[in-house]
Amino acid sequence: MHFSTVIAAALSVTSFVGAAPGHGHHADVSEYYSLGCPKSTKPYASKEEQLQAITEYGQLLYIQKQIETAEYTYVATDFINHAPE
């Protein structure tokens, strides 16, 4: 997995973990479900939950070197890397 793919996946985690309703982000949750987001995420997460998710993702990916587990746990199944190398 290339570094740019990892960064793109990490960014997808923060965008699909979601924002609280009423803040203009992901008001329609059908996109969240259609992308196959993992159960470890949810369409409306607090800032604390978002921080916890990205921290755990980073720990799995960079510290524990469990790339497949990090991807399976936090990245949508239909994630598309639009900038592959």
N, C-alpha and C. Protein backbone atom coordinates (compact mmCIF):
# COMPACT_ATOMS: atom_id res chain seq x y z
N MET A 1 0.86 -1.17 0.00
CA MET A 1 0.00 0.00 0.00
C MET A 1 0.91 1.23 0.00
N HIS A 2 0.68 2.15 -0.92
CA HIS A 2 1.48 3.35 -1.03
C HIS A 2 1.07 4.37 0.02
N PHE A 3 2.01 5.24 0.37
CA PHE A 3 1.77 6.25 1.40
C PHE A 3 0.57 7.13 1.05
N SER A 4 0.43 7.54 -0.22
CA SER A 4 -0.69 8.40 -0.60
C SER A 4 -2.02 7.67 -0.43
N THR A 5 -2.03 6.37 -0.65
CA THR A 5 -3.25 5.58 -0.44
C THR A 5 -3.60 5.55 1.04
N VAL A 6 -2.59 5.42 1.88
CA VAL A 6 -2.81 5.41 3.33
C VAL A 6 -3.37 6.74 3.79
N ILE A 7 -2.80 7.83 3.30
CA ILE A 7 -3.28 9.16 3.68
C ILE A 7 -4.72 9.36 3.19
N ALA A 8 -5.00 8.96 1.96
CA ALA A 8 -6.36 9.09 1.43
C ALA A 8 -7.33 8.27 2.25
N ALA A 9 -6.93 7.08 2.65
CA ALA A 9 -7.79 6.24 3.48
C ALA A 9 -8.02 6.88 4.84
N ALA A 10 -6.99 7.47 5.41
CA ALA A 10 -7.14 8.14 6.71
C ALA A 10 -8.09 9.32 6.59
N LEU A 11 -8.00 10.04 5.51
CA LEU A 11 -8.93 11.15 5.30
C LEU A 11 -10.35 10.66 5.13
N SER A 12 -10.50 9.51 4.51
CA SER A 12 -11.85 8.96 4.35
C SER A 12 -12.44 8.57 5.69
N VAL A 13 -11.60 8.13 6.60
CA VAL A 13 -12.08 7.77 7.94
C VAL A 13 -12.69 8.99 8.59
N THR A 14 -11.99 10.11 8.54
CA THR A 14 -12.52 11.30 9.22
C THR A 14 -13.76 11.84 8.52
N SER A 15 -13.84 11.71 7.21
CA SER A 15 -15.01 12.24 6.53
C SER A 15 -16.22 11.34 6.69
N PHE A 16 -16.02 10.02 6.78
CA PHE A 16 -17.16 9.13 6.90
C PHE A 16 -17.52 8.77 8.33
N VAL A 17 -16.65 9.12 9.26
CA VAL A 17 -17.05 8.97 10.66
C VAL A 17 -18.20 9.93 10.89
N GLY A 18 -18.15 11.08 10.24
CA GLY A 18 -19.30 11.96 10.19
C GLY A 18 -19.23 13.14 11.12
N ALA A 19 -20.21 13.99 10.94
CA ALA A 19 -20.37 15.18 11.77
C ALA A 19 -21.75 15.14 12.38
N ALA A 20 -21.92 15.91 13.41
CA ALA A 20 -23.22 15.96 14.10
C ALA A 20 -24.29 16.53 13.19
N PRO A 21 -25.54 16.05 13.33
CA PRO A 21 -26.62 16.59 12.50
C PRO A 21 -26.77 18.09 12.73
N GLY A 22 -27.17 18.75 11.68
CA GLY A 22 -27.39 20.18 11.79
C GLY A 22 -26.16 21.01 11.46
N HIS A 23 -25.04 20.37 11.19
CA HIS A 23 -23.83 21.08 10.86
C HIS A 23 -23.58 21.09 9.36
N GLY A 24 -24.54 20.63 8.58
CA GLY A 24 -24.45 20.71 7.14
C GLY A 24 -23.64 19.60 6.48
N HIS A 25 -23.12 18.66 7.25
CA HIS A 25 -22.32 17.58 6.68
C HIS A 25 -23.11 16.29 6.69
N HIS A 26 -23.17 15.63 5.56
CA HIS A 26 -23.79 14.32 5.44
C HIS A 26 -25.21 14.28 6.03
N ALA A 27 -26.01 15.29 5.69
CA ALA A 27 -27.39 15.32 6.17
C ALA A 27 -28.16 14.10 5.68
N ASP A 28 -27.81 13.60 4.49
CA ASP A 28 -28.43 12.41 3.93
C ASP A 28 -27.50 11.24 4.21
N VAL A 29 -27.90 10.35 5.12
CA VAL A 29 -27.03 9.24 5.51
C VAL A 29 -27.03 8.10 4.50
N SER A 30 -27.82 8.18 3.45
CA SER A 30 -27.85 7.09 2.46
C SER A 30 -26.48 6.90 1.81
N GLU A 31 -25.73 7.99 1.61
CA GLU A 31 -24.39 7.88 1.04
C GLU A 31 -23.48 7.08 1.98
N TYR A 32 -23.59 7.36 3.26
CA TYR A 32 -22.79 6.66 4.27
C TYR A 32 -23.02 5.15 4.16
N TYR A 33 -24.28 4.74 4.12
CA TYR A 33 -24.60 3.32 4.05
C TYR A 33 -24.28 2.71 2.69
N SER A 34 -24.45 3.45 1.62
CA SER A 34 -24.19 2.91 0.29
C SER A 34 -22.70 2.66 0.05
N LEU A 35 -21.83 3.35 0.78
CA LEU A 35 -20.39 3.19 0.60
C LEU A 35 -19.83 2.00 1.37
N GLY A 36 -20.65 1.37 2.18
CA GLY A 36 -20.17 0.22 2.93
C GLY A 36 -19.27 0.59 4.09
N CYS A 37 -19.60 1.68 4.77
CA CYS A 37 -18.80 2.09 5.92
C CYS A 37 -18.85 1.03 7.01
N PRO A 38 -17.72 0.79 7.66
CA PRO A 38 -17.66 -0.27 8.67
C PRO A 38 -18.46 0.07 9.92
N LYS A 39 -18.78 -0.95 10.71
CA LYS A 39 -19.58 -0.77 11.92
C LYS A 39 -18.85 0.03 12.98
N SER A 40 -17.54 0.17 12.85
CA SER A 40 -16.77 0.94 13.82
C SER A 40 -16.98 2.44 13.65
N THR A 41 -17.64 2.83 12.57
CA THR A 41 -17.94 4.24 12.32
C THR A 41 -19.44 4.43 12.32
N LYS A 42 -19.87 5.69 12.33
CA LYS A 42 -21.29 5.99 12.25
C LYS A 42 -21.48 7.33 11.55
N PRO A 43 -22.65 7.55 10.98
CA PRO A 43 -22.83 8.76 10.17
C PRO A 43 -22.78 10.05 10.98
N TYR A 44 -23.13 10.00 12.25
CA TYR A 44 -23.11 11.20 13.08
C TYR A 44 -22.27 10.93 14.31
N ALA A 45 -21.03 11.36 14.28
CA ALA A 45 -20.12 11.15 15.40
C ALA A 45 -19.71 12.50 15.97
N SER A 46 -19.54 12.53 17.29
CA SER A 46 -19.07 13.76 17.94
C SER A 46 -17.60 13.97 17.59
N LYS A 47 -17.10 15.15 17.87
CA LYS A 47 -15.68 15.44 17.63
C LYS A 47 -14.80 14.45 18.41
N GLU A 48 -15.22 14.12 19.62
CA GLU A 48 -14.45 13.18 20.44
C GLU A 48 -14.43 11.79 19.80
N GLU A 49 -15.57 11.36 19.28
CA GLU A 49 -15.64 10.06 18.62
C GLU A 49 -14.81 10.04 17.34
N GLN A 50 -14.81 11.15 16.61
CA GLN A 50 -13.99 11.24 15.41
C GLN A 50 -12.51 11.16 15.76
N LEU A 51 -12.12 11.88 16.81
CA LEU A 51 -10.73 11.87 17.24
C LEU A 51 -10.33 10.47 17.70
N GLN A 52 -11.20 9.80 18.42
CA GLN A 52 -10.91 8.44 18.88
C GLN A 52 -10.74 7.49 17.69
N ALA A 53 -11.60 7.61 16.69
CA ALA A 53 -11.52 6.74 15.52
C ALA A 53 -10.23 6.95 14.74
N ILE A 54 -9.85 8.20 14.50
CA ILE A 54 -8.64 8.45 13.72
C ILE A 54 -7.39 8.07 14.52
N THR A 55 -7.46 8.23 15.85
CA THR A 55 -6.34 7.83 16.71
C THR A 55 -6.16 6.32 16.68
N GLU A 56 -7.26 5.59 16.82
CA GLU A 56 -7.18 4.12 16.79
C GLU A 56 -6.72 3.63 15.42
N TYR A 57 -7.21 4.27 14.37
CA TYR A 57 -6.79 3.91 13.01
C TYR A 57 -5.29 4.12 12.86
N GLY A 58 -4.79 5.26 13.32
CA GLY A 58 -3.36 5.55 13.24
C GLY A 58 -2.52 4.58 14.05
N GLN A 59 -3.01 4.21 15.24
CA GLN A 59 -2.30 3.24 16.07
C GLN A 59 -2.17 1.89 15.36
N LEU A 60 -3.30 1.44 14.81
CA LEU A 60 -3.27 0.16 14.09
C LEU A 60 -2.34 0.22 12.88
N LEU A 61 -2.43 1.30 12.14
CA LEU A 61 -1.71 1.42 10.88
C LEU A 61 -0.22 1.67 11.07
N TYR A 62 0.12 2.69 11.86
CA TYR A 62 1.52 3.12 11.95
C TYR A 62 2.30 2.50 13.10
N ILE A 63 1.67 2.30 14.24
CA ILE A 63 2.39 1.78 15.40
C ILE A 63 2.41 0.25 15.39
N GLN A 64 1.23 -0.36 15.26
CA GLN A 64 1.13 -1.81 15.31
C GLN A 64 1.38 -2.47 13.96
N LYS A 65 1.42 -1.67 12.89
CA LYS A 65 1.67 -2.17 11.53
C LYS A 65 0.64 -3.21 11.09
N GLN A 66 -0.59 -3.06 11.56
CA GLN A 66 -1.68 -3.96 11.19
C GLN A 66 -2.54 -3.28 10.12
N ILE A 67 -1.97 -3.18 8.94
CA ILE A 67 -2.60 -2.43 7.85
C ILE A 67 -3.95 -3.02 7.46
N GLU A 68 -4.03 -4.32 7.29
CA GLU A 68 -5.29 -4.93 6.87
C GLU A 68 -6.37 -4.76 7.94
N THR A 69 -5.99 -4.88 9.21
CA THR A 69 -6.96 -4.70 10.29
C THR A 69 -7.45 -3.25 10.33
N ALA A 70 -6.54 -2.31 10.17
CA ALA A 70 -6.92 -0.90 10.16
C ALA A 70 -7.88 -0.61 9.01
N GLU A 71 -7.56 -1.14 7.84
CA GLU A 71 -8.41 -0.92 6.67
C GLU A 71 -9.78 -1.56 6.86
N TYR A 72 -9.80 -2.81 7.31
CA TYR A 72 -11.06 -3.52 7.51
C TYR A 72 -11.93 -2.84 8.57
N THR A 73 -11.29 -2.32 9.62
CA THR A 73 -12.02 -1.73 10.73
C THR A 73 -12.53 -0.32 10.44
N TYR A 74 -11.76 0.48 9.68
CA TYR A 74 -12.10 1.89 9.56
C TYR A 74 -12.33 2.44 8.15
N VAL A 75 -12.07 1.67 7.11
CA VAL A 75 -12.20 2.21 5.75
C VAL A 75 -13.41 1.58 5.06
N ALA A 76 -14.18 2.41 4.39
CA ALA A 76 -15.37 1.94 3.67
C ALA A 76 -14.99 0.89 2.63
N THR A 77 -15.84 -0.12 2.48
CA THR A 77 -15.54 -1.19 1.53
C THR A 77 -15.50 -0.68 0.09
N ASP A 78 -16.24 0.36 -0.20
CA ASP A 78 -16.25 0.92 -1.55
C ASP A 78 -15.34 2.13 -1.70
N PHE A 79 -14.33 2.25 -0.81
CA PHE A 79 -13.38 3.36 -0.90
C PHE A 79 -12.66 3.30 -2.24
N ILE A 80 -12.59 4.42 -2.92
CA ILE A 80 -11.90 4.52 -4.21
C ILE A 80 -10.75 5.50 -4.07
N ASN A 81 -9.55 5.05 -4.36
CA ASN A 81 -8.39 5.94 -4.35
C ASN A 81 -8.35 6.63 -5.72
N HIS A 82 -8.67 7.90 -5.73
CA HIS A 82 -8.72 8.64 -6.99
C HIS A 82 -7.35 9.16 -7.43
N ALA A 83 -6.33 8.89 -6.64
CA ALA A 83 -4.99 9.34 -7.00
C ALA A 83 -3.99 8.20 -6.81
N PRO A 84 -4.22 7.05 -7.44
CA PRO A 84 -3.25 5.96 -7.28
C PRO A 84 -1.94 6.29 -7.97
N GLU A 85 -0.87 5.72 -7.46
CA GLU A 85 0.44 5.95 -8.06
C GLU A 85 0.76 4.89 -9.06
